[in-house]
C-alpha cells in the first residue's frame, strides 16, 4: 500500500516539476556564428585596338581599381543581414574619346584624350536578408541594390528560395530579379548641339575645326527617345550529391531586357557615306542602334569530383543564346589543391569561351546607312577567348591573427589573364581578407 501511494504521488508531483523545469530544447546551430567582415580589393587592366567609342577602331586601354567591404551580421539563429558596398575608379582611353578634342593634342582614336571624360567613379551598395528554417532545409533571401556612375544609375531587387531534402543530398532553388536603370544620354561630342561641353571640356563648336575628307559633314543622327532600361531575370537550379565523391548541378536562366539597350556614346560609320575627319579622328555618321528588347537564355551544369581529401576537380559548362543572334559556349575547369591540413589551397584554373556575332555587328566603316540596327562593339562580335587563372587561399582555422577585435579567418589572392583572338587582353588581380568579429 505504501508503494502504491508513493507511485500515485509521483504522478501528481512530476508534471508540476516538469512545468517549472521544461525539457531542454534540442541544440540548433546558428546559420552564422559571428559577424564576418570581408575586405576586398582588385586591380584590372586591359588593352586592345577595337574601341566601340570610336566605331570599332582605337585604343581600348583601361585601368580600374576597386575596393569593397562586405559585412554579414547574424540577427538571430536563423537570420543573416549582409551589407555590401564598393567603389571603383577607372581611367579609360576609349571613354576619353567621347570628346577627343578636349585634350590639347591632335585627335586620334589610337591616342587617349587627356580631357575630363578619361576617368570616372562607380559606386554600388547591396543589402541582403536571408532566413533559414529550423531544420536548415529551406532558405529564403531578398536583396535591394543601387549603383551609380557619371552617365548611368541602376536600382535592383532580387529574391531566392532554396529547398534541401533527401538528407540534404538534393537542393532545388529558384531565384528572380528586376533592375531598373537610367541612362544620362551622353552622345559623341560632334553630334551634340553647337556649344555643348557636357562636362567633357570647354564648349565645342565644329566650325572652329578644319574638316578634311568630306568638308560638308552632315551626320544621319537623331537623338534617342528612350533613356530607361529594365531587366528581368528568373532562374531554376538543381544540385545533387551523386555519390560520396561526386556532386553535380544544373542551372537554367532566362533574362528579358527592355528599353534603351544601345550605348549612346558609341560611334558607327557607314561605308556608303563619305568620310569626314578632324585631325586623324573620323567624325561619327551615327551612334549604335539596337533593338529595344533582348531575350537571353542560358543553361549550364557543374560537376565536382573529390579525388582525394587534398584534391578536388571542379568543372563547368554553359550554353547561351539570345534573340540578337549570339550563340555562346563556356567551359571551365578548376583544380583546388590543399596543403598544411587544409590551411593553404592553390587554385589553378582555365576557362574557354566562344561566341557568334550579333546580327547587327559589323567592323569599322562596314555598315550601310539603310540598315535598321548597327553596332561595331566587339563585345558583340564573333570571337574566342581563353582565361588562365591561379589563386592561393590561406585559412586561419583558429583565428590566431587579430586586428583590433577581429580575428583573421582567411586570405584569398587570385590572378587571371584573359585573351581574345581579336587582339584584346586583360589582367585581373584580386585580394580578399575575411575577419570574424569577436
Protein backbone atom coordinates (compact mmCIF):
# COMPACT_ATOMS: atom_id res chain seq x y z
CA UNK A 1 0.00 0.00 0.00
CA UNK A 2 2.87 2.34 0.82
CA UNK A 3 4.49 1.73 -2.58
CA UNK A 4 1.17 2.37 -4.29
CA UNK A 5 0.75 5.75 -2.52
CA UNK A 6 4.30 6.74 -3.49
CA UNK A 7 3.54 5.91 -7.16
CA UNK A 8 0.33 8.00 -7.07
CA UNK A 9 2.21 10.91 -5.52
CA UNK A 10 4.86 10.76 -8.25
CA UNK A 11 2.20 11.08 -10.96
CA UNK A 12 0.91 14.23 -9.29
CA UNK A 13 4.23 15.86 -8.47
CA UNK A 14 6.17 15.08 -11.68
CA UNK A 15 4.05 17.27 -14.03
CA UNK A 16 4.48 20.18 -11.65
CA UNK A 17 8.25 19.72 -11.62
CA UNK A 18 8.35 19.45 -15.43
CA UNK A 19 6.27 22.60 -15.73
CA UNK A 20 8.81 24.51 -13.66
CA UNK A 21 11.78 22.95 -15.49
CA UNK A 22 10.71 22.10 -19.08
CA UNK A 23 12.87 19.72 -21.10
CA UNK A 24 15.86 21.36 -22.75
CA UNK A 25 15.28 22.31 -26.38
CA UNK A 26 17.45 20.47 -28.92
CA UNK A 27 20.60 22.42 -29.86
CA UNK A 28 20.26 24.44 -33.05
CA UNK A 29 23.44 25.62 -34.73
CA UNK A 30 23.34 29.24 -35.82
CA UNK A 31 23.46 29.92 -39.55
CA UNK A 32 26.29 32.37 -38.87
CA UNK A 33 28.05 32.21 -35.52
CA UNK A 34 29.61 35.69 -35.50
CA UNK A 35 29.70 38.84 -37.59
CA UNK A 36 32.06 38.46 -40.54
CA UNK A 37 33.75 41.28 -42.42
CA UNK A 38 35.24 40.86 -45.90
CA UNK A 39 37.66 43.46 -47.22
CA UNK A 40 38.12 43.02 -50.97
CA UNK A 41 40.27 44.84 -53.48
CA UNK A 42 41.06 44.35 -57.15
CA UNK A 43 43.12 45.91 -59.90
CA UNK A 44 42.19 45.42 -63.56
CA UNK A 45 43.97 46.42 -66.76
CA UNK A 46 43.10 45.82 -70.40
CA UNK A 47 44.41 46.64 -73.85
CA UNK A 48 43.02 46.33 -77.36
CA UNK A 49 42.53 48.08 -80.68
CA UNK A 50 38.77 47.89 -81.33
CA UNK A 51 37.25 50.63 -79.19
CA UNK A 52 33.46 50.86 -79.63
CA UNK A 53 33.52 54.59 -78.73
CA UNK A 54 35.42 55.26 -81.95
CA UNK A 55 33.43 52.85 -84.13
CA UNK A 56 35.44 49.64 -83.79
CA UNK A 57 38.97 51.05 -84.01
CA UNK A 58 41.13 52.77 -81.44
CA UNK A 59 42.80 52.30 -78.09
CA UNK A 60 40.87 50.19 -75.54
CA UNK A 61 43.34 50.69 -72.68
CA UNK A 62 41.68 50.81 -69.28
CA UNK A 63 42.81 50.68 -65.66
CA UNK A 64 40.38 50.06 -62.82
CA UNK A 65 40.89 49.88 -59.04
CA UNK A 66 38.06 48.62 -56.85
CA UNK A 67 37.56 48.44 -53.11
CA UNK A 68 34.66 46.58 -51.47
CA UNK A 69 33.52 45.84 -47.93
CA UNK A 70 31.01 43.09 -47.13
CA UNK A 71 29.57 42.76 -43.62
CA UNK A 72 27.48 39.70 -42.70
CA UNK A 73 25.60 40.12 -39.40
CA UNK A 74 23.71 37.29 -37.62
CA UNK A 75 20.44 38.84 -36.43
CA UNK A 76 19.13 35.62 -34.86
CA UNK A 77 19.97 31.92 -35.02
CA UNK A 78 18.15 31.80 -38.38
CA UNK A 79 18.56 35.26 -39.92
CA UNK A 80 21.53 36.99 -41.51
CA UNK A 81 21.79 40.56 -42.80
CA UNK A 82 24.53 41.28 -45.35
CA UNK A 83 25.67 44.76 -46.38
CA UNK A 84 27.87 45.06 -49.47
CA UNK A 85 29.37 48.39 -50.58
CA UNK A 86 32.03 49.15 -53.17
CA UNK A 87 33.71 51.95 -55.10
CA UNK A 88 35.51 51.62 -58.42
CA UNK A 89 37.71 54.30 -60.01
CA UNK A 90 38.93 53.90 -63.57
CA UNK A 91 40.68 55.68 -66.39
CA UNK A 92 39.84 54.71 -69.96
CA UNK A 93 41.41 55.62 -73.29
CA UNK A 94 38.21 54.58 -75.03
CA UNK A 95 35.78 56.69 -73.00
CA UNK A 96 38.23 59.61 -73.13
CA UNK A 97 37.46 59.82 -76.86
CA UNK A 98 33.79 60.58 -76.30
CA UNK A 99 35.30 64.02 -76.73
CA UNK A 100 38.68 63.54 -78.44
CA UNK A 101 39.14 67.29 -78.95
CA UNK A 102 39.49 68.43 -75.32
CA UNK A 103 42.98 67.16 -74.56
CA UNK A 104 45.08 69.83 -76.29
CA UNK A 105 46.67 67.36 -78.73
CA UNK A 106 45.67 66.27 -82.26
CA UNK A 107 42.64 63.97 -82.09
CA UNK A 108 43.40 60.31 -82.87
CA UNK A 109 41.37 57.18 -81.98
CA UNK A 110 44.60 55.40 -81.00
CA UNK A 111 45.64 58.19 -78.62
CA UNK A 112 43.75 58.75 -75.38
CA UNK A 113 42.42 62.25 -74.85
CA UNK A 114 43.55 63.82 -71.60
CA UNK A 115 40.22 65.57 -71.08
CA UNK A 116 37.62 65.08 -68.35
CA UNK A 117 35.93 62.07 -69.93
CA UNK A 118 39.02 59.88 -69.46
CA UNK A 119 38.09 58.86 -65.90
CA UNK A 120 35.02 58.09 -63.81
CA UNK A 121 33.95 56.62 -60.48
CA UNK A 122 31.36 53.88 -59.98
CA UNK A 123 29.76 53.14 -56.61
CA UNK A 124 27.30 50.46 -55.54
CA UNK A 125 25.58 49.09 -52.47
CA UNK A 126 23.58 45.93 -51.77
CA UNK A 127 21.51 44.99 -48.72
CA UNK A 128 20.57 41.31 -48.43
CA UNK A 129 18.45 39.44 -45.85
CA UNK A 130 18.31 35.66 -45.58
CA UNK A 131 16.25 33.37 -43.35
CA UNK A 132 16.73 29.63 -42.77
CA UNK A 133 14.18 27.21 -41.36
CA UNK A 134 14.85 25.43 -38.07
CA UNK A 135 15.97 22.26 -39.84
CA UNK A 136 18.08 24.32 -42.30
CA UNK A 137 16.28 22.69 -45.23
CA UNK A 138 14.64 25.87 -46.52
CA UNK A 139 16.37 29.18 -47.16
CA UNK A 140 14.71 32.43 -48.23
CA UNK A 141 16.61 35.57 -49.25
CA UNK A 142 15.81 39.03 -50.58
CA UNK A 143 18.04 41.94 -51.58
CA UNK A 144 17.98 45.50 -52.85
CA UNK A 145 20.80 47.23 -54.73
CA UNK A 146 21.83 50.64 -56.02
CA UNK A 147 24.68 51.63 -58.37
CA UNK A 148 25.68 54.94 -59.89
CA UNK A 149 28.31 56.43 -62.17
CA UNK A 150 28.53 59.60 -64.24
CA UNK A 151 26.13 58.55 -67.01
CA UNK A 152 24.24 55.59 -65.52
CA UNK A 153 22.12 54.74 -62.46
CA UNK A 154 20.73 51.31 -61.54
CA UNK A 155 18.25 50.18 -58.88
CA UNK A 156 17.51 46.48 -58.38
CA UNK A 157 15.63 43.97 -56.25
CA UNK A 158 16.01 40.21 -56.10
CA UNK A 159 14.82 37.17 -54.18
CA UNK A 160 15.50 33.45 -53.96
CA UNK A 161 14.29 30.26 -52.29
CA UNK A 162 16.17 27.00 -51.82
CA UNK A 163 14.85 23.68 -50.53
CA UNK A 164 17.10 20.83 -49.40
CA UNK A 165 15.78 17.30 -48.97
CA UNK A 166 16.88 13.66 -49.07
CA UNK A 167 19.05 14.37 -46.00
CA UNK A 168 20.44 17.47 -47.76
CA UNK A 169 21.67 15.41 -50.70
CA UNK A 170 19.37 17.29 -53.09
CA UNK A 171 18.78 21.02 -53.42
CA UNK A 172 16.22 22.78 -55.61
CA UNK A 173 16.34 26.56 -55.89
CA UNK A 174 14.52 29.35 -57.68
CA UNK A 175 15.56 32.99 -57.99
CA UNK A 176 14.36 36.17 -59.65
CA UNK A 177 15.49 39.77 -60.02
CA UNK A 178 14.48 43.07 -61.57
CA UNK A 179 16.73 46.02 -62.37
CA UNK A 180 15.60 49.49 -63.37
CA UNK A 181 18.36 51.52 -65.00
CA UNK A 182 18.54 55.07 -66.29
CA UNK A 183 20.98 56.47 -68.87
CA UNK A 184 22.10 60.08 -68.80
CA UNK A 185 22.21 60.26 -72.59
CA UNK A 186 25.79 61.22 -73.43
CA UNK A 187 26.47 61.44 -77.18
CA UNK A 188 29.77 61.80 -79.06
CA UNK A 189 30.76 65.45 -78.84
CA UNK A 190 30.36 66.17 -82.60
CA UNK A 191 26.72 65.04 -82.50
CA UNK A 192 25.68 67.44 -79.75
CA UNK A 193 24.25 70.94 -80.31
CA UNK A 194 26.89 73.62 -81.01
CA UNK A 195 28.43 74.99 -77.85
CA UNK A 196 27.87 71.82 -75.81
CA UNK A 197 30.55 70.70 -73.42
CA UNK A 198 28.52 68.24 -71.47
CA UNK A 199 31.09 68.07 -68.67
CA UNK A 200 33.86 66.88 -71.01
CA UNK A 201 35.76 70.09 -71.51
CA UNK A 202 35.03 73.57 -72.91
CA UNK A 203 32.11 74.26 -75.28
CA UNK A 204 32.59 72.55 -78.64
CA UNK A 205 31.99 74.35 -81.93
CA UNK A 206 32.51 72.30 -85.09
CA UNK A 207 33.17 75.40 -87.16
CA UNK A 208 36.35 76.06 -85.15
CA UNK A 209 37.99 72.97 -86.68
CA UNK A 210 39.24 72.11 -90.15
CA UNK A 211 37.31 69.15 -91.56
CA UNK A 212 39.12 67.00 -94.12
CA UNK A 213 37.75 64.31 -96.40
CA UNK A 214 34.16 65.43 -96.90
CA UNK A 215 34.08 69.01 -95.56
CA UNK A 216 30.26 69.06 -95.77
CA UNK A 217 29.83 66.93 -92.65
CA UNK A 218 26.15 66.04 -92.21
CA UNK A 219 25.59 63.07 -89.85
CA UNK A 220 22.48 60.88 -90.06
CA UNK A 221 21.78 61.36 -86.36
CA UNK A 222 18.59 61.84 -84.37
CA UNK A 223 18.59 61.83 -80.56
CA UNK A 224 17.33 58.76 -78.75
CA UNK A 225 13.77 58.87 -77.43
CA UNK A 226 14.25 56.47 -74.50
CA UNK A 227 16.72 56.61 -71.63
CA UNK A 228 15.45 53.84 -69.35
CA UNK A 229 16.35 50.15 -69.30
CA UNK A 230 14.56 47.33 -67.47
CA UNK A 231 15.98 43.85 -66.90
CA UNK A 232 14.03 40.90 -65.52
CA UNK A 233 15.67 37.57 -64.68
CA UNK A 234 14.38 34.23 -63.45
CA UNK A 235 16.27 31.01 -62.82
CA UNK A 236 16.00 27.45 -61.59
CA UNK A 237 18.71 25.35 -60.02
CA UNK A 238 19.13 21.69 -59.10
CA UNK A 239 22.08 20.34 -57.10
CA UNK A 240 22.55 16.65 -56.35
CA UNK A 241 25.15 14.62 -54.48
CA UNK A 242 25.60 11.76 -56.94
CA UNK A 243 27.96 9.68 -54.84
CA UNK A 244 30.28 10.00 -51.91
CA UNK A 245 32.83 11.85 -54.05
CA UNK A 246 30.81 13.46 -56.85
CA UNK A 247 28.37 16.36 -56.83
CA UNK A 248 26.53 17.80 -59.84
CA UNK A 249 24.25 20.76 -60.51
CA UNK A 250 22.14 22.23 -63.31
CA UNK A 251 21.11 25.88 -63.72
CA UNK A 252 18.60 27.47 -66.12
CA UNK A 253 18.42 31.26 -66.52
CA UNK A 254 16.12 33.47 -68.61
CA UNK A 255 16.62 37.25 -68.87
CA UNK A 256 14.40 39.80 -70.60
CA UNK A 257 15.67 43.33 -71.22
CA UNK A 258 13.56 46.23 -72.44
CA UNK A 259 14.15 49.90 -73.18
CA UNK A 260 17.34 51.70 -74.21
CA UNK A 261 19.71 48.82 -74.95
CA UNK A 262 22.07 50.85 -77.16
CA UNK A 263 25.07 52.66 -75.71
CA UNK A 264 24.56 56.32 -76.71
CA UNK A 265 28.24 57.35 -76.94
CA UNK A 266 29.39 54.51 -79.23
CA UNK A 267 30.00 55.72 -82.80
CA UNK A 268 29.05 53.93 -86.03
CA UNK A 269 30.39 54.61 -89.56
CA UNK A 270 28.66 53.87 -92.88
CA UNK A 271 30.52 52.61 -95.93
CA UNK A 272 28.05 54.41 -98.24
CA UNK A 273 28.66 57.82 -96.61
CA UNK A 274 31.75 59.86 -97.45
CA UNK A 275 34.13 60.14 -94.50
CA UNK A 276 34.81 63.37 -92.60
CA UNK A 277 37.80 63.86 -90.27
CA UNK A 278 39.21 66.30 -87.75
CA UNK A 279 42.92 65.59 -87.44
CA UNK A 280 43.07 61.76 -87.53
CA UNK A 281 39.66 61.28 -85.92
CA UNK A 282 36.73 60.04 -88.01
CA UNK A 283 33.56 62.02 -87.20
CA UNK A 284 30.54 59.86 -86.38
CA UNK A 285 27.91 59.08 -89.01
CA UNK A 286 25.55 57.90 -86.25
CA UNK A 287 25.53 56.15 -82.88
CA UNK A 288 24.92 52.48 -82.11
CA UNK A 289 21.30 51.45 -82.73
CA UNK A 290 20.00 48.16 -81.32
CA UNK A 291 16.53 46.63 -80.75
CA UNK A 292 14.60 47.79 -77.69
CA UNK A 293 14.18 44.23 -76.40
CA UNK A 294 16.57 41.36 -75.81
CA UNK A 295 15.72 37.85 -74.61
CA UNK A 296 18.60 35.80 -73.19
CA UNK A 297 18.61 32.09 -72.37
CA UNK A 298 21.34 30.06 -70.67
CA UNK A 299 21.63 26.54 -69.34
CA UNK A 300 24.67 25.25 -67.51
CA UNK A 301 25.97 22.44 -65.39
CA UNK A 302 28.69 21.79 -62.82
CA UNK A 303 30.36 18.53 -61.88
CA UNK A 304 32.70 18.44 -58.89
CA UNK A 305 34.74 15.34 -58.09
CA UNK A 306 36.62 14.84 -54.82
CA UNK A 307 39.67 12.86 -55.93
CA UNK A 308 41.42 12.98 -52.57
CA UNK A 309 40.95 14.86 -49.32
CA UNK A 310 43.50 17.33 -50.69
CA UNK A 311 42.44 17.45 -54.36
CA UNK A 312 39.14 18.42 -56.00
CA UNK A 313 38.25 18.81 -59.68
CA UNK A 314 35.58 21.41 -60.46
CA UNK A 315 34.16 21.57 -63.99
CA UNK A 316 31.55 23.82 -65.58
CA UNK A 317 29.80 24.14 -68.94
CA UNK A 318 27.18 26.65 -70.13
CA UNK A 319 25.32 27.19 -73.39
CA UNK A 320 23.92 30.67 -74.11
CA UNK A 321 21.84 32.20 -76.85
CA UNK A 322 19.78 35.35 -77.37
CA UNK A 323 17.49 36.83 -79.99
CA UNK A 324 20.21 39.23 -81.17
CA UNK A 325 21.88 36.30 -82.92
CA UNK A 326 24.56 35.40 -80.37
CA UNK A 327 25.25 31.75 -79.51
CA UNK A 328 27.98 31.06 -76.95
CA UNK A 329 29.74 28.20 -75.20
CA UNK A 330 31.65 28.40 -71.92
CA UNK A 331 33.74 25.61 -70.40
CA UNK A 332 35.99 25.80 -67.38
CA UNK A 333 37.97 23.63 -65.00
CA UNK A 334 39.46 24.42 -61.60
CA UNK A 335 41.78 22.17 -59.57
CA UNK A 336 41.95 23.18 -55.88
CA UNK A 337 44.84 21.53 -54.06
CA UNK A 338 45.11 21.75 -50.25
CA UNK A 339 48.26 21.79 -48.12
CA UNK A 340 49.08 22.10 -44.44
CA UNK A 341 45.96 20.32 -43.18
CA UNK A 342 43.73 22.46 -45.39
CA UNK A 343 45.11 25.80 -44.29
CA UNK A 344 46.56 26.63 -47.73
CA UNK A 345 44.74 25.95 -51.00
CA UNK A 346 46.05 26.54 -54.52
CA UNK A 347 43.54 27.28 -57.31
CA UNK A 348 44.84 26.78 -60.86
CA UNK A 349 42.01 27.29 -63.39
CA UNK A 350 41.26 27.55 -67.11
CA UNK A 351 38.20 28.92 -68.92
CA UNK A 352 37.33 28.73 -72.63
CA UNK A 353 34.67 30.88 -74.28
CA UNK A 354 33.41 31.29 -77.85
CA UNK A 355 30.51 33.18 -79.38
CA UNK A 356 28.99 34.05 -82.74
CA UNK A 357 28.46 37.68 -83.74
CA UNK A 358 25.22 39.56 -83.19
CA UNK A 359 23.18 40.07 -86.35
CA UNK A 360 23.73 43.83 -86.18
CA UNK A 361 27.53 43.70 -85.79
CA UNK A 362 29.92 44.90 -88.48
CA UNK A 363 33.54 46.07 -88.14
CA UNK A 364 34.65 49.66 -88.58
CA UNK A 365 33.09 51.51 -91.55
CA UNK A 366 31.25 48.45 -92.95
CA UNK A 367 27.64 49.27 -92.06
CA UNK A 368 25.12 50.68 -94.54
CA UNK A 369 23.05 53.75 -93.78
CA UNK A 370 19.95 51.81 -94.84
CA UNK A 371 20.34 49.27 -92.02
CA UNK A 372 17.87 49.44 -89.13
CA UNK A 373 20.27 48.22 -86.45
CA UNK A 374 24.05 48.54 -86.29
CA UNK A 375 26.92 48.25 -83.85
CA UNK A 376 30.71 48.00 -84.03
CA UNK A 377 31.10 46.93 -80.39
CA UNK A 378 33.48 43.95 -80.40
CA UNK A 379 31.78 42.58 -77.27
CA UNK A 380 29.01 41.67 -79.76
CA UNK A 381 31.38 40.29 -82.39
CA UNK A 382 32.27 36.66 -83.02
CA UNK A 383 35.38 35.64 -81.08
CA UNK A 384 37.03 33.00 -78.94
CA UNK A 385 38.66 33.70 -75.59
CA UNK A 386 40.93 31.94 -73.12
CA UNK A 387 41.39 32.73 -69.46
CA UNK A 388 44.11 31.32 -67.23
CA UNK A 389 43.92 31.80 -63.51
CA UNK A 390 45.83 30.99 -60.37
CA UNK A 391 44.94 31.64 -56.76
CA UNK A 392 46.08 30.88 -53.27
CA UNK A 393 43.94 30.85 -50.14
CA UNK A 394 45.05 30.79 -46.51
CA UNK A 395 42.56 29.77 -43.81
CA UNK A 396 43.31 30.60 -40.20
CA UNK A 397 41.24 27.89 -38.52
CA UNK A 398 41.74 29.27 -35.01
CA UNK A 399 41.83 32.98 -35.96
CA UNK A 400 45.22 33.38 -34.35
CA UNK A 401 45.94 36.59 -36.26
CA UNK A 402 43.92 39.52 -34.98
CA UNK A 403 43.17 43.11 -35.94
CA UNK A 404 41.52 45.07 -33.15
CA UNK A 405 38.52 42.86 -32.13
CA UNK A 406 38.59 40.88 -35.37
CA UNK A 407 40.21 37.51 -35.91
CA UNK A 408 41.53 36.78 -39.38
CA UNK A 409 39.57 33.88 -40.89
CA UNK A 410 41.04 33.71 -44.41
CA UNK A 411 43.11 35.46 -47.08
CA UNK A 412 42.49 34.93 -50.81
CA UNK A 413 44.77 36.13 -53.61
CA UNK A 414 43.90 35.43 -57.26
CA UNK A 415 45.25 36.38 -60.69
CA UNK A 416 43.54 35.99 -64.10
CA UNK A 417 44.94 36.54 -67.60
CA UNK A 418 42.35 36.82 -70.39
CA UNK A 419 42.86 36.98 -74.16
CA UNK A 420 40.61 37.14 -77.23
CA UNK A 421 41.54 36.33 -80.80
CA UNK A 422 40.60 39.93 -81.71
CA UNK A 423 43.77 41.29 -80.09
CA UNK A 424 42.10 42.14 -76.77
CA UNK A 425 43.72 41.10 -73.47
CA UNK A 426 43.25 41.84 -69.77
CA UNK A 427 44.74 41.10 -66.37
CA UNK A 428 42.95 41.00 -63.04
CA UNK A 429 44.41 40.72 -59.54
CA UNK A 430 42.11 40.34 -56.52
CA UNK A 431 42.81 40.07 -52.82
CA UNK A 432 40.36 39.46 -50.04
CA UNK A 433 40.56 39.34 -46.23
CA UNK A 434 37.82 37.77 -44.12
CA UNK A 435 37.61 38.66 -40.44
CA UNK A 436 35.40 37.33 -37.65
CA UNK A 437 34.21 39.97 -35.19
CA UNK A 438 34.54 38.72 -31.63
